[in-house]
PDB file of N, CA and C in Angstrom:
ATOM      1  N   MET A   1       3.471  -2.573  16.660  1.00  0.00           N
ATOM      2  CA  MET A   1       2.827  -1.432  16.219  1.00  0.00           C
ATOM      3  C   MET A   1       2.997  -0.206  17.113  1.00  0.00           C
ATOM      4  N   GLY A   2       3.053  -0.430  18.458  1.00  0.00           N
ATOM      5  CA  GLY A   2       3.411   0.447  19.356  1.00  0.00           C
ATOM      6  C   GLY A   2       4.730   1.155  19.247  1.00  0.00           C
ATOM      7  N   ALA A   3       5.829   0.228  18.803  1.00  0.00           N
ATOM      8  CA  ALA A   3       7.071   0.837  18.491  1.00  0.00           C
ATOM      9  C   ALA A   3       6.969   1.652  17.328  1.00  0.00           C
ATOM     10  N   MET A   4       6.206   1.519  16.257  1.00  0.00           N
ATOM     11  CA  MET A   4       6.137   2.290  15.061  1.00  0.00           C
ATOM     12  C   MET A   4       5.563   3.595  15.581  1.00  0.00           C
ATOM     13  N   LEU A   5       4.499   3.551  16.527  1.00  0.00           N
ATOM     14  CA  LEU A   5       3.896   4.824  16.934  1.00  0.00           C
ATOM     15  C   LEU A   5       4.749   5.690  17.751  1.00  0.00           C
ATOM     16  N   THR A   6       5.544   4.891  18.546  1.00  0.00           N
ATOM     17  CA  THR A   6       6.605   5.593  19.557  1.00  0.00           C
ATOM     18  C   THR A   6       7.575   6.391  18.549  1.00  0.00           C
ATOM     19  N   MET A   7       8.051   5.748  17.588  1.00  0.00           N
ATOM     20  CA  MET A   7       9.140   6.354  16.788  1.00  0.00           C
ATOM     21  C   MET A   7       8.553   7.391  15.805  1.00  0.00           C
ATOM     22  N   GLN A   8       7.429   7.211  15.127  1.00  0.00           N
ATOM     23  CA  GLN A   8       6.991   8.049  14.159  1.00  0.00           C
ATOM     24  C   GLN A   8       6.042   9.087  14.640  1.00  0.00           C
ATOM     25  N   MET A   9       5.343   8.990  15.877  1.00  0.00           N
ATOM     26  CA  MET A   9       4.290   9.892  16.320  1.00  0.00           C
ATOM     27  C   MET A   9       4.360   9.973  17.791  1.00  0.00           C
ATOM     28  N   THR A  10       5.610  10.250  18.369  1.00  0.00           N
ATOM     29  CA  THR A  10       5.821  10.219  19.685  1.00  0.00           C
ATOM     30  C   THR A  10       4.836  11.073  20.479  1.00  0.00           C
ATOM     31  N   PRO A  11       4.469  12.309  20.065  1.00  0.00           N
ATOM     32  CA  PRO A  11       3.508  13.047  20.769  1.00  0.00           C
ATOM     33  C   PRO A  11       2.101  12.390  21.038  1.00  0.00           C
ATOM     34  N   VAL A  12       1.651  11.575  20.150  1.00  0.00           N
ATOM     35  CA  VAL A  12       0.493  11.013  20.251  1.00  0.00           C
ATOM     36  C   VAL A  12       0.445   9.891  21.191  1.00  0.00           C
ATOM     37  N   ILE A  13       1.553   8.836  21.319  1.00  0.00           N
ATOM     38  CA  ILE A  13       1.678   7.901  22.312  1.00  0.00           C
ATOM     39  C   ILE A  13       1.972   8.408  23.677  1.00  0.00           C
ATOM     40  N   GLN A  14       2.666   9.516  23.692  1.00  0.00           N
ATOM     41  CA  GLN A  14       3.118  10.041  24.964  1.00  0.00           C
ATOM     42  C   GLN A  14       2.192  11.148  25.616  1.00  0.00           C
ATOM     43  N   ASN A  15       1.383  11.811  24.815  1.00  0.00           N
ATOM     44  CA  ASN A  15       0.416  12.710  25.281  1.00  0.00           C
ATOM     45  C   ASN A  15      -1.008  12.538  24.995  1.00  0.00           C
ATOM     46  N   ALA A  16      -1.288  12.416  23.631  1.00  0.00           N
ATOM     47  CA  ALA A  16      -2.727  12.350  23.374  1.00  0.00           C
ATOM     48  C   ALA A  16      -3.418  11.071  23.755  1.00  0.00           C
ATOM     49  N   ILE A  17      -2.890   9.900  23.494  1.00  0.00           N
ATOM     50  CA  ILE A  17      -3.638   8.789  23.914  1.00  0.00           C
ATOM     51  C   ILE A  17      -3.792   8.673  25.559  1.00  0.00           C
ATOM     52  N   PRO A  18      -2.803   8.986  26.307  1.00  0.00           N
ATOM     53  CA  PRO A  18      -3.073   8.961  27.738  1.00  0.00           C
ATOM     54  C   PRO A  18      -4.054   9.987  28.125  1.00  0.00           C
ATOM     55  N   ALA A  19      -3.919  11.168  27.531  1.00  0.00           N
ATOM     56  CA  ALA A  19      -4.918  12.228  27.860  1.00  0.00           C
ATOM     57  C   ALA A  19      -6.418  11.930  27.685  1.00  0.00           C
ATOM     58  N   MET A  20      -6.705  10.962  26.824  1.00  0.00           N
ATOM     59  CA  MET A  20      -8.049  10.572  26.641  1.00  0.00           C
ATOM     60  C   MET A  20      -8.587   9.922  27.991  1.00  0.00           C
ATOM     61  N   TYR A  21      -7.687   9.414  28.862  1.00  0.00           N
ATOM     62  CA  TYR A  21      -8.087   8.920  30.108  1.00  0.00           C
ATOM     63  C   TYR A  21      -7.675   9.711  31.353  1.00  0.00           C
ATOM     64  N   GLY A  22      -7.168  11.017  31.032  1.00  0.00           N
ATOM     65  CA  GLY A  22      -6.852  11.819  32.137  1.00  0.00           C
ATOM     66  C   GLY A  22      -5.326  11.428  32.640  1.00  0.00           C
ATOM     67  N   LEU A  23      -4.624  10.897  31.873  1.00  0.00           N
ATOM     68  CA  LEU A  23      -3.152  10.400  32.223  1.00  0.00           C
ATOM     69  C   LEU A  23      -2.253  11.068  31.486  1.00  0.00           C
ATOM     70  N   SER A  24      -0.948  10.809  31.753  1.00  0.00           N
ATOM     71  CA  SER A  24       0.109  11.390  30.949  1.00  0.00           C
ATOM     72  C   SER A  24       1.260  10.416  30.971  1.00  0.00           C
ATOM     73  N   GLY A  25       2.086  10.692  29.882  1.00  0.00           N
ATOM     74  CA  GLY A  25       3.356   9.891  29.911  1.00  0.00           C
ATOM     75  C   GLY A  25       3.337   8.736  29.046  1.00  0.00           C
ATOM     76  N   LEU A  26       4.600   8.280  28.594  1.00  0.00           N
ATOM     77  CA  LEU A  26       4.621   7.314  27.600  1.00  0.00           C
ATOM     78  C   LEU A  26       4.265   5.888  28.118  1.00  0.00           C
ATOM     79  N   ALA A  27       4.454   5.494  29.258  1.00  0.00           N
ATOM     80  CA  ALA A  27       3.974   4.189  29.962  1.00  0.00           C
ATOM     81  C   ALA A  27       2.463   4.270  29.912  1.00  0.00           C
ATOM     82  N   ALA A  28       1.737   5.317  30.201  1.00  0.00           N
ATOM     83  CA  ALA A  28       0.381   5.379  30.171  1.00  0.00           C
ATOM     84  C   ALA A  28      -0.300   5.202  28.833  1.00  0.00           C
ATOM     85  N   GLY A  29       0.447   5.897  27.792  1.00  0.00           N
ATOM     86  CA  GLY A  29       0.062   5.893  26.435  1.00  0.00           C
ATOM     87  C   GLY A  29       0.223   4.337  25.815  1.00  0.00           C
ATOM     88  N   TRP A  30       1.325   3.781  26.173  1.00  0.00           N
ATOM     89  CA  TRP A  30       1.601   2.386  25.786  1.00  0.00           C
ATOM     90  C   TRP A  30       0.569   1.393  26.401  1.00  0.00           C
ATOM     91  N   GLY A  31       0.193   1.712  27.737  1.00  0.00           N
ATOM     92  CA  GLY A  31      -0.750   0.794  28.361  1.00  0.00           C
ATOM     93  C   GLY A  31      -2.136   0.863  27.659  1.00  0.00           C
ATOM     94  N   ALA A  32      -2.552   2.154  27.428  1.00  0.00           N
ATOM     95  CA  ALA A  32      -3.881   2.361  26.852  1.00  0.00           C
ATOM     96  C   ALA A  32      -3.804   1.750  25.467  1.00  0.00           C
ATOM     97  N   HIS A  33      -2.792   2.125  24.645  1.00  0.00           N
ATOM     98  CA  HIS A  33      -2.698   1.625  23.229  1.00  0.00           C
ATOM     99  C   HIS A  33      -2.789   0.099  23.185  1.00  0.00           C
ATOM    100  N   LEU A  34      -1.951  -0.479  24.148  1.00  0.00           N
ATOM    101  CA  LEU A  34      -1.969  -2.090  24.046  1.00  0.00           C
ATOM    102  C   LEU A  34      -3.377  -2.646  24.371  1.00  0.00           C
ATOM    103  N   PHE A  35      -4.007  -1.898  25.406  1.00  0.00           N
ATOM    104  CA  PHE A  35      -5.396  -2.447  25.850  1.00  0.00           C
ATOM    105  C   PHE A  35      -6.189  -2.241  24.609  1.00  0.00           C
ATOM    106  N   HIS A  36      -6.129  -1.224  23.928  1.00  0.00           N
ATOM    107  CA  HIS A  36      -7.094  -0.971  22.724  1.00  0.00           C
ATOM    108  C   HIS A  36      -6.791  -2.086  21.721  1.00  0.00           C
ATOM    109  N   SER A  37      -5.504  -2.392  21.398  1.00  0.00           N
ATOM    110  CA  SER A  37      -5.146  -3.284  20.496  1.00  0.00           C
ATOM    111  C   SER A  37      -5.629  -4.690  20.784  1.00  0.00           C
ATOM    112  N   ALA A  38      -5.510  -4.979  22.162  1.00  0.00           N
ATOM    113  CA  ALA A  38      -6.100  -6.497  22.519  1.00  0.00           C
ATOM    114  C   ALA A  38      -7.599  -6.407  22.355  1.00  0.00           C
ATOM    115  N   VAL A  39      -8.321  -5.476  22.793  1.00  0.00           N
ATOM    116  CA  VAL A  39      -9.828  -5.545  22.773  1.00  0.00           C
ATOM    117  C   VAL A  39     -10.098  -5.532  21.230  1.00  0.00           C
ATOM    118  N   LEU A  40      -9.595  -4.690  20.390  1.00  0.00           N
ATOM    119  CA  LEU A  40      -9.944  -4.638  19.000  1.00  0.00           C
ATOM    120  C   LEU A  40      -9.557  -5.932  18.244  1.00  0.00           C
ATOM    121  N   GLY A  41      -8.408  -6.577  18.760  1.00  0.00           N
ATOM    122  CA  GLY A  41      -8.136  -7.874  18.151  1.00  0.00           C
ATOM    123  C   GLY A  41      -9.158  -8.912  18.506  1.00  0.00           C
ATOM    124  N   LEU A  42      -9.690  -8.900  19.712  1.00  0.00           N
ATOM    125  CA  LEU A  42     -10.759  -9.841  20.038  1.00  0.00           C
ATOM    126  C   LEU A  42     -12.028  -9.486  19.235  1.00  0.00           C
ATOM    127  N   VAL A  43     -12.323  -8.261  18.974  1.00  0.00           N
ATOM    128  CA  VAL A  43     -13.492  -7.879  18.203  1.00  0.00           C
ATOM    129  C   VAL A  43     -13.188  -8.400  16.611  1.00  0.00           C
ATOM    130  N   PHE A  44     -12.031  -8.281  16.248  1.00  0.00           N
ATOM    131  CA  PHE A  44     -11.527  -8.967  14.933  1.00  0.00           C
ATOM    132  C   PHE A  44     -11.966 -10.353  14.878  1.00  0.00           C
ATOM    133  N   ALA A  45     -11.371 -11.169  15.841  1.00  0.00           N
ATOM    134  CA  ALA A  45     -11.565 -12.566  15.891  1.00  0.00           C
ATOM    135  C   ALA A  45     -12.962 -12.913  16.016  1.00  0.00           C
ATOM    136  N   ALA A  46     -13.718 -12.213  16.790  1.00  0.00           N
ATOM    137  CA  ALA A  46     -15.221 -12.461  16.794  1.00  0.00           C
ATOM    138  C   ALA A  46     -15.905 -12.389  15.455  1.00  0.00           C
ATOM    139  N   GLY A  47     -15.575 -11.282  14.705  1.00  0.00           N
ATOM    140  CA  GLY A  47     -15.992 -11.046  13.526  1.00  0.00           C
ATOM    141  C   GLY A  47     -15.697 -12.136  12.500  1.00  0.00           C
ATOM    142  N   LEU A  48     -14.367 -12.585  12.551  1.00  0.00           N
ATOM    143  CA  LEU A  48     -14.199 -13.797  11.675  1.00  0.00           C
ATOM    144  C   LEU A  48     -14.742 -14.997  12.044  1.00  0.00           C
ATOM    145  N   LYS A  49     -15.031 -15.155  13.333  1.00  0.00           N
ATOM    146  CA  LYS A  49     -15.789 -16.449  13.661  1.00  0.00           C
ATOM    147  C   LYS A  49     -17.258 -16.331  13.281  1.00  0.00           C
ATOM    148  N   ALA A  50     -17.774 -15.126  13.258  1.00  0.00           N
ATOM    149  CA  ALA A  50     -19.113 -14.980  12.826  1.00  0.00           C
ATOM    150  C   ALA A  50     -19.253 -15.129  11.202  1.00  0.00           C
ATOM    151  N   ILE A  51     -18.302 -14.768  10.595  1.00  0.00           N
ATOM    152  CA  ILE A  51     -18.223 -14.584   9.149  1.00  0.00           C
ATOM    153  C   ILE A  51     -17.055 -15.565   8.615  1.00  0.00           C
ATOM    154  N   PRO A  52     -17.172 -16.963   8.714  1.00  0.00           N
ATOM    155  CA  PRO A  52     -16.030 -17.883   8.479  1.00  0.00           C
ATOM    156  C   PRO A  52     -15.415 -17.659   6.992  1.00  0.00           C
ATOM    157  N   SER A  53     -16.238 -17.299   6.137  1.00  0.00           N
ATOM    158  CA  SER A  53     -15.775 -17.201   4.739  1.00  0.00           C
ATOM    159  C   SER A  53     -14.646 -16.089   4.662  1.00  0.00           C
ATOM    160  N   LEU A  54     -14.603 -15.212   5.547  1.00  0.00           N
ATOM    161  CA  LEU A  54     -13.445 -14.221   5.636  1.00  0.00           C
ATOM    162  C   LEU A  54     -12.101 -14.821   5.985  1.00  0.00           C
ATOM    163  N   ALA A  55     -12.198 -15.858   6.604  1.00  0.00           N
ATOM    164  CA  ALA A  55     -11.002 -16.687   7.191  1.00  0.00           C
ATOM    165  C   ALA A  55     -10.855 -17.864   6.407  1.00  0.00           C
ATOM    166  N   ALA A  56     -11.388 -18.051   5.159  1.00  0.00           N
ATOM    167  CA  ALA A  56     -11.298 -19.341   4.489  1.00  0.00           C
ATOM    168  C   ALA A  56      -9.833 -19.539   4.001  1.00  0.00           C
ATOM    169  N   THR A  57      -9.049 -18.542   3.654  1.00  0.00           N
ATOM    170  CA  THR A  57      -7.745 -18.743   3.236  1.00  0.00           C
ATOM    171  C   THR A  57      -6.890 -17.702   3.982  1.00  0.00           C
ATOM    172  N   ARG A  58      -5.640 -17.965   3.994  1.00  0.00           N
ATOM    173  CA  ARG A  58      -4.754 -16.967   4.659  1.00  0.00           C
ATOM    174  C   ARG A  58      -4.762 -15.529   3.944  1.00  0.00           C
ATOM    175  N   GLY A  59      -4.908 -15.624   2.694  1.00  0.00           N
ATOM    176  CA  GLY A  59      -4.931 -14.269   1.834  1.00  0.00           C
ATOM    177  C   GLY A  59      -6.137 -13.555   2.338  1.00  0.00           C
ATOM    178  N   ARG A  60      -7.375 -14.201   2.346  1.00  0.00           N
ATOM    179  CA  ARG A  60      -8.499 -13.661   2.722  1.00  0.00           C
ATOM    180  C   ARG A  60      -8.451 -12.958   4.171  1.00  0.00           C
ATOM    181  N   VAL A  61      -7.860 -13.806   5.104  1.00  0.00           N
ATOM    182  CA  VAL A  61      -7.982 -13.315   6.503  1.00  0.00           C
ATOM    183  C   VAL A  61      -6.889 -11.996   6.605  1.00  0.00           C
ATOM    184  N   VAL A  62      -5.717 -11.989   5.854  1.00  0.00           N
ATOM    185  CA  VAL A  62      -4.786 -10.914   5.791  1.00  0.00           C
ATOM    186  C   VAL A  62      -5.531  -9.776   5.153  1.00  0.00           C
ATOM    187  N   ALA A  63      -6.187  -9.962   4.149  1.00  0.00           N
ATOM    188  CA  ALA A  63      -7.043  -8.803   3.462  1.00  0.00           C
ATOM    189  C   ALA A  63      -8.090  -8.385   4.391  1.00  0.00           C
ATOM    190  N   ALA A  64      -8.877  -9.191   5.199  1.00  0.00           N
ATOM    191  CA  ALA A  64      -9.701  -8.827   6.113  1.00  0.00           C
ATOM    192  C   ALA A  64      -9.134  -7.962   7.233  1.00  0.00           C
ATOM    193  N   GLY A  65      -7.929  -8.429   7.660  1.00  0.00           N
ATOM    194  CA  GLY A  65      -7.144  -7.683   8.687  1.00  0.00           C
ATOM    195  C   GLY A  65      -6.774  -6.173   8.261  1.00  0.00           C
ATOM    196  N   VAL A  66      -6.370  -6.196   6.939  1.00  0.00           N
ATOM    197  CA  VAL A  66      -6.060  -4.904   6.426  1.00  0.00           C
ATOM    198  C   VAL A  66      -7.149  -3.860   6.155  1.00  0.00           C
ATOM    199  N   ALA A  67      -8.275  -4.455   5.753  1.00  0.00           N
ATOM    200  CA  ALA A  67      -9.521  -3.645   5.659  1.00  0.00           C
ATOM    201  C   ALA A  67      -9.896  -3.273   7.048  1.00  0.00           C
ATOM    202  N   TYR A  68      -9.813  -4.123   8.061  1.00  0.00           N
ATOM    203  CA  TYR A  68     -10.172  -3.761   9.485  1.00  0.00           C
ATOM    204  C   TYR A  68      -9.347  -2.677   9.980  1.00  0.00           C
ATOM    205  N   GLY A  69      -7.911  -2.666   9.768  1.00  0.00           N
ATOM    206  CA  GLY A  69      -7.077  -1.682  10.157  1.00  0.00           C
ATOM    207  C   GLY A  69      -7.530  -0.287   9.459  1.00  0.00           C
ATOM    208  N   VAL A  70      -7.936  -0.340   8.235  1.00  0.00           N
ATOM    209  CA  VAL A  70      -8.384   1.023   7.599  1.00  0.00           C
ATOM    210  C   VAL A  70      -9.718   1.456   8.122  1.00  0.00           C
ATOM    211  N   VAL A  71     -10.651   0.578   8.584  1.00  0.00           N
ATOM    212  CA  VAL A  71     -11.800   1.050   9.212  1.00  0.00           C
ATOM    213  C   VAL A  71     -11.496   1.584  10.624  1.00  0.00           C
ATOM    214  N   LEU A  72     -10.555   0.907  11.314  1.00  0.00           N
ATOM    215  CA  LEU A  72     -10.230   1.445  12.721  1.00  0.00           C
ATOM    216  C   LEU A  72      -9.478   2.863  12.529  1.00  0.00           C
ATOM    217  N   TRP A  73      -8.799   3.087  11.478  1.00  0.00           N
ATOM    218  CA  TRP A  73      -8.158   4.261  11.246  1.00  0.00           C
ATOM    219  C   TRP A  73      -9.263   5.352  10.964  1.00  0.00           C
ATOM    220  N   VAL A  74     -10.102   5.095  10.083  1.00  0.00           N
ATOM    221  CA  VAL A  74     -11.112   6.069   9.776  1.00  0.00           C
ATOM    222  C   VAL A  74     -12.060   6.386  10.970  1.00  0.00           C
ATOM    223  N   VAL A  75     -12.490   5.301  11.596  1.00  0.00           N
ATOM    224  CA  VAL A  75     -13.569   5.475  12.706  1.00  0.00           C
ATOM    225  C   VAL A  75     -12.882   5.999  13.968  1.00  0.00           C
ATOM    226  N   LEU A  76     -11.870   5.317  14.384  1.00  0.00           N
ATOM    227  CA  LEU A  76     -11.512   5.648  15.810  1.00  0.00           C
ATOM    228  C   LEU A  76     -10.272   6.656  15.739  1.00  0.00           C
ATOM    229  N   ALA A  77      -9.230   6.552  14.939  1.00  0.00           N
ATOM    230  CA  ALA A  77      -8.220   7.540  14.814  1.00  0.00           C
ATOM    231  C   ALA A  77      -8.657   8.900  14.086  1.00  0.00           C
ATOM    232  N   ALA A  78      -9.380   8.845  13.077  1.00  0.00           N
ATOM    233  CA  ALA A  78      -9.716   9.949  12.364  1.00  0.00           C
ATOM    234  C   ALA A  78     -10.787  10.729  12.864  1.00  0.00           C
ATOM    235  N   LEU A  79     -11.819   9.970  13.517  1.00  0.00           N
ATOM    236  CA  LEU A  79     -13.126  10.714  14.049  1.00  0.00           C
ATOM    237  C   LEU A  79     -13.206  10.497  15.509  1.00  0.00           C
ATOM    238  N   VAL A  80     -13.242   9.426  16.139  1.00  0.00           N
ATOM    239  CA  VAL A  80     -13.418   9.374  17.584  1.00  0.00           C
ATOM    240  C   VAL A  80     -12.371  10.090  18.368  1.00  0.00           C
ATOM    241  N   MET A  81     -11.067   9.839  18.083  1.00  0.00           N
ATOM    242  CA  MET A  81     -10.071  10.347  18.892  1.00  0.00           C
ATOM    243  C   MET A  81      -9.978  11.843  18.971  1.00  0.00           C
ATOM    244  N   PRO A  82     -10.081  12.553  17.866  1.00  0.00           N
ATOM    245  CA  PRO A  82     -10.135  14.136  17.880  1.00  0.00           C
ATOM    246  C   PRO A  82     -11.321  14.597  18.779  1.00  0.00           C
ATOM    247  N   VAL A  83     -12.526  13.849  18.645  1.00  0.00           N
ATOM    248  CA  VAL A  83     -13.692  14.343  19.364  1.00  0.00           C
ATOM    249  C   VAL A  83     -13.341  14.061  20.987  1.00  0.00           C
ATOM    250  N   TRP A  84     -13.053  12.930  21.252  1.00  0.00           N
ATOM    251  CA  TRP A  84     -12.653  12.467  22.681  1.00  0.00           C
ATOM    252  C   TRP A  84     -11.678  13.359  23.195  1.00  0.00           C
ATOM    253  N   LEU A  85     -10.645  13.766  22.509  1.00  0.00           N
ATOM    254  CA  LEU A  85      -9.701  14.574  23.036  1.00  0.00           C
ATOM    255  C   LEU A  85     -10.102  16.060  23.336  1.00  0.00           C
ATOM    256  N   GLY A  86     -10.968  16.602  22.250  1.00  0.00           N
ATOM    257  CA  GLY A  86     -11.598  17.813  22.590  1.00  0.00           C
ATOM    258  C   GLY A  86     -12.501  17.803  23.750  1.00  0.00           C
ATOM    259  N   THR A  87     -13.201  16.596  23.910  1.00  0.00           N
ATOM    260  CA  THR A  87     -14.084  16.609  25.222  1.00  0.00           C
ATOM    261  C   THR A  87     -13.484  16.570  26.488  1.00  0.00           C
ATOM    262  N   VAL A  88     -12.255  16.088  26.500  1.00  0.00           N
ATOM    263  CA  VAL A  88     -11.441  16.055  27.829  1.00  0.00           C
ATOM    264  C   VAL A  88     -10.541  17.338  27.860  1.00  0.00           C
ATOM    265  N   GLY A  89     -10.628  18.305  26.913  1.00  0.00           N
ATOM    266  CA  GLY A  89      -9.860  19.517  27.174  1.00  0.00           C
ATOM    267  C   GLY A  89      -8.434  19.560  26.561  1.00  0.00           C
ATOM    268  N   PHE A  90      -8.089  18.470  25.788  1.00  0.00           N
ATOM    269  CA  PHE A  90      -6.792  18.344  25.291  1.00  0.00           C
ATOM    270  C   PHE A  90      -6.836  18.876  23.839  1.00  0.00           C
ATOM    271  N   PRO A  91      -5.782  19.738  23.430  1.00  0.00           N
ATOM    272  CA  PRO A  91      -5.803  20.262  22.121  1.00  0.00           C
ATOM    273  C   PRO A  91      -5.949  19.072  21.128  1.00  0.00           C
ATOM    274  N   ALA A  92      -7.100  19.128  20.402  1.00  0.00           N
ATOM    275  CA  ALA A  92      -7.502  18.203  19.539  1.00  0.00           C
ATOM    276  C   ALA A  92      -6.989  18.413  18.053  1.00  0.00           C
ATOM    277  N   PRO A  93      -6.589  17.378  17.297  1.00  0.00           N
ATOM    278  CA  PRO A  93      -6.233  17.449  15.934  1.00  0.00           C
ATOM    279  C   PRO A  93      -7.544  17.980  15.204  1.00  0.00           C
ATOM    280  N   PRO A  94      -7.272  18.251  13.920  1.00  0.00           N
ATOM    281  CA  PRO A  94      -8.424  18.515  12.978  1.00  0.00           C
ATOM    282  C   PRO A  94      -9.476  17.377  12.811  1.00  0.00           C
ATOM    283  N   LEU A  95     -10.584  17.657  12.555  1.00  0.00           N
ATOM    284  CA  LEU A  95     -11.672  16.628  12.360  1.00  0.00           C
ATOM    285  C   LEU A  95     -12.010  16.612  10.968  1.00  0.00           C
ATOM    286  N   PRO A  96     -11.815  15.621  10.170  1.00  0.00           N
ATOM    287  CA  PRO A  96     -11.198  14.323  10.620  1.00  0.00           C
ATOM    288  C   PRO A  96      -9.696  14.494  10.579  1.00  0.00           C
ATOM    289  N   ASN A  97      -9.152  13.674  11.467  1.00  0.00           N
ATOM    290  CA  ASN A  97      -7.678  13.600  11.469  1.00  0.00           C
ATOM    291  C   ASN A  97      -7.062  12.630  10.435  1.00  0.00           C
ATOM    292  N   LEU A  98      -6.943  12.783   9.251  1.00  0.00           N
ATOM    293  CA  LEU A  98      -6.441  11.873   8.198  1.00  0.00           C
ATOM    294  C   LEU A  98      -4.965  11.864   8.119  1.00  0.00           C
ATOM    295  N   ASN A  99      -4.362  11.472   9.254  1.00  0.00           N
ATOM    296  CA  ASN A  99      -2.804  11.564   9.219  1.00  0.00           C
ATOM    297  C   ASN A  99      -2.362  10.200   8.419  1.00  0.00           C
ATOM    298  N   PRO A 100      -1.542  10.345   7.360  1.00  0.00           N
ATOM    299  CA  PRO A 100      -1.199   9.212   6.713  1.00  0.00           C
ATOM    300  C   PRO A 100      -0.274   8.218   7.448  1.00  0.00           C
ATOM    301  N   MET A 101       0.601   8.741   8.400  1.00  0.00           N
ATOM    302  CA  MET A 101       1.368   7.864   9.295  1.00  0.00           C
ATOM    303  C   MET A 101       0.527   7.115  10.027  1.00  0.00           C
ATOM    304  N   SER A 102      -0.604   7.641  10.587  1.00  0.00           N
ATOM    305  CA  SER A 102      -1.423   6.764  11.368  1.00  0.00           C
ATOM    306  C   SER A 102      -2.204   5.748  10.536  1.00  0.00           C
ATOM    307  N   LEU A 103      -2.586   6.034   9.388  1.00  0.00           N
ATOM    308  CA  LEU A 103      -3.040   5.035   8.399  1.00  0.00           C
ATOM    309  C   LEU A 103      -2.086   3.856   8.160  1.00  0.00           C
ATOM    310  N   VAL A 104      -0.795   4.108   7.980  1.00  0.00           N
ATOM    311  CA  VAL A 104       0.193   3.061   7.862  1.00  0.00           C
ATOM    312  C   VAL A 104       0.211   2.269   9.043  1.00  0.00           C
ATOM    313  N   GLY A 105       0.267   2.837  10.301  1.00  0.00           N
ATOM    314  CA  GLY A 105       0.267   1.971  11.527  1.00  0.00           C
ATOM    315  C   GLY A 105      -0.941   1.002  11.627  1.00  0.00           C
ATOM    316  N   HIS A 106      -2.090   1.620  11.345  1.00  0.00           N
ATOM    317  CA  HIS A 106      -3.360   0.791  11.401  1.00  0.00           C
ATOM    318  C   HIS A 106      -3.405  -0.319  10.339  1.00  0.00           C
ATOM    319  N   VAL A 107      -2.844  -0.045   9.203  1.00  0.00           N
ATOM    320  CA  VAL A 107      -2.863  -1.079   8.106  1.00  0.00           C
ATOM    321  C   VAL A 107      -1.844  -2.189   8.612  1.00  0.00           C
ATOM    322  N   VAL A 108      -0.765  -1.881   9.080  1.00  0.00           N
ATOM    323  CA  VAL A 108       0.322  -2.780   9.543  1.00  0.00           C
ATOM    324  C   VAL A 108      -0.240  -3.651  10.758  1.00  0.00           C
ATOM    325  N   TYR A 109      -0.974  -2.853  11.671  1.00  0.00           N
ATOM    326  CA  TYR A 109      -1.718  -3.719  12.721  1.00  0.00           C
ATOM    327  C   TYR A 109      -2.687  -4.703  12.197  1.00  0.00           C
ATOM    328  N   GLY A 110      -3.410  -4.303  11.193  1.00  0.00           N
ATOM    329  CA  GLY A 110      -4.481  -5.138  10.670  1.00  0.00           C
ATOM    330  C   GLY A 110      -3.923  -6.389   9.875  1.00  0.00           C
ATOM    331  N   ALA A 111      -2.706  -6.063   9.163  1.00  0.00           N
ATOM    332  CA  ALA A 111      -2.045  -7.166   8.453  1.00  0.00           C
ATOM    333  C   ALA A 111      -1.535  -8.094   9.366  1.00  0.00           C
ATOM    334  N   VAL A 112      -0.903  -7.616  10.410  1.00  0.00           N
ATOM    335  CA  VAL A 112      -0.329  -8.649  11.442  1.00  0.00           C
ATOM    336  C   VAL A 112      -1.407  -9.346  12.112  1.00  0.00           C
ATOM    337  N   LEU A 113      -2.557  -8.763  12.472  1.00  0.00           N
ATOM    338  CA  LEU A 113      -3.534  -9.401  13.100  1.00  0.00           C
ATOM    339  C   LEU A 113      -4.180 -10.469  12.303  1.00  0.00           C
ATOM    340  N   GLY A 114      -4.330 -10.190  11.056  1.00  0.00           N
ATOM    341  CA  GLY A 114      -4.908 -11.061   9.934  1.00  0.00           C
ATOM    342  C   GLY A 114      -3.759 -12.271   9.750  1.00  0.00           C
ATOM    343  N   ALA A 115      -2.661 -11.986   9.730  1.00  0.00           N
ATOM    344  CA  ALA A 115      -1.666 -13.110   9.575  1.00  0.00           C
ATOM    345  C   ALA A 115      -1.474 -13.978  10.784  1.00  0.00           C
ATOM    346  N   ALA A 116      -1.596 -13.446  12.058  1.00  0.00           N
ATOM    347  CA  ALA A 116      -1.519 -14.056  13.221  1.00  0.00           C
ATOM    348  C   ALA A 116      -2.818 -14.923  13.527  1.00  0.00           C
ATOM    349  N   PHE A 117      -3.970 -14.423  12.975  1.00  0.00           N
ATOM    350  CA  PHE A 117      -5.197 -15.186  13.392  1.00  0.00           C
ATOM    351  C   PHE A 117      -5.341 -16.807  13.062  1.00  0.00           C
ATOM    352  N   PRO A 118      -4.931 -17.163  12.000  1.00  0.00           N
ATOM    353  CA  PRO A 118      -4.908 -18.528  11.717  1.00  0.00           C
ATOM    354  C   PRO A 118      -4.175 -19.364  12.798  1.00  0.00           C
ATOM    355  N   PHE A 119      -3.083 -18.835  13.217  1.00  0.00           N
ATOM    356  CA  PHE A 119      -2.210 -19.586  14.282  1.00  0.00           C
ATOM    357  C   PHE A 119      -2.770 -19.448  15.651  1.00  0.00           C
ATOM    358  N   LEU A 120      -3.604 -18.433  15.987  1.00  0.00           N
ATOM    359  CA  LEU A 120      -4.205 -18.165  17.278  1.00  0.00           C
ATOM    360  C   LEU A 120      -5.631 -18.658  17.405  1.00  0.00           C
ATOM    361  N   ALA A 121      -6.235 -18.924  16.304  1.00  0.00           N
ATOM    362  CA  ALA A 121      -7.664 -19.127  16.435  1.00  0.00           C
ATOM    363  C   ALA A 121      -8.113 -20.403  17.164  1.00  0.00           C
ATOM    364  N   ASP A 122      -7.196 -21.307  17.163  1.00  0.00           N
ATOM    365  CA  ASP A 122      -7.480 -22.630  17.844  1.00  0.00           C
ATOM    366  C   ASP A 122      -6.934 -22.679  19.250  1.00  0.00           C
ATOM    367  N   LEU A 123      -6.343 -21.644  19.901  1.00  0.00           N
ATOM    368  CA  LEU A 123      -5.861 -21.704  21.230  1.00  0.00           C
ATOM    369  C   LEU A 123      -6.844 -21.758  22.209  1.00  0.00           C
TER     370      LEU A 123
END
């Protein structure tokens, strides 16, 4: 998903994401974004463990992942990120930032997360 972000929305991964932490550059953006992805993946796994009916079938867990990706897009990308960027003095996108390319990336992240969960759940 980071590769999608790098190719489709380079200024976001190179400038905006690292700026939230007072950093700059592509490596900082990748590091922050991968950290977010890992933490949010753990939150997803905890949610599925708490509500096992969502993980009853592969179809359900992938659907839950897609829904989770949409929720992340609305809450974090569209609302939290613009506010955070404005707070740290970075030129913030409009609020809400309903960028369709960002939605695609978050849906793909959720689908992959959901598809991978059954294979990783027992590790």
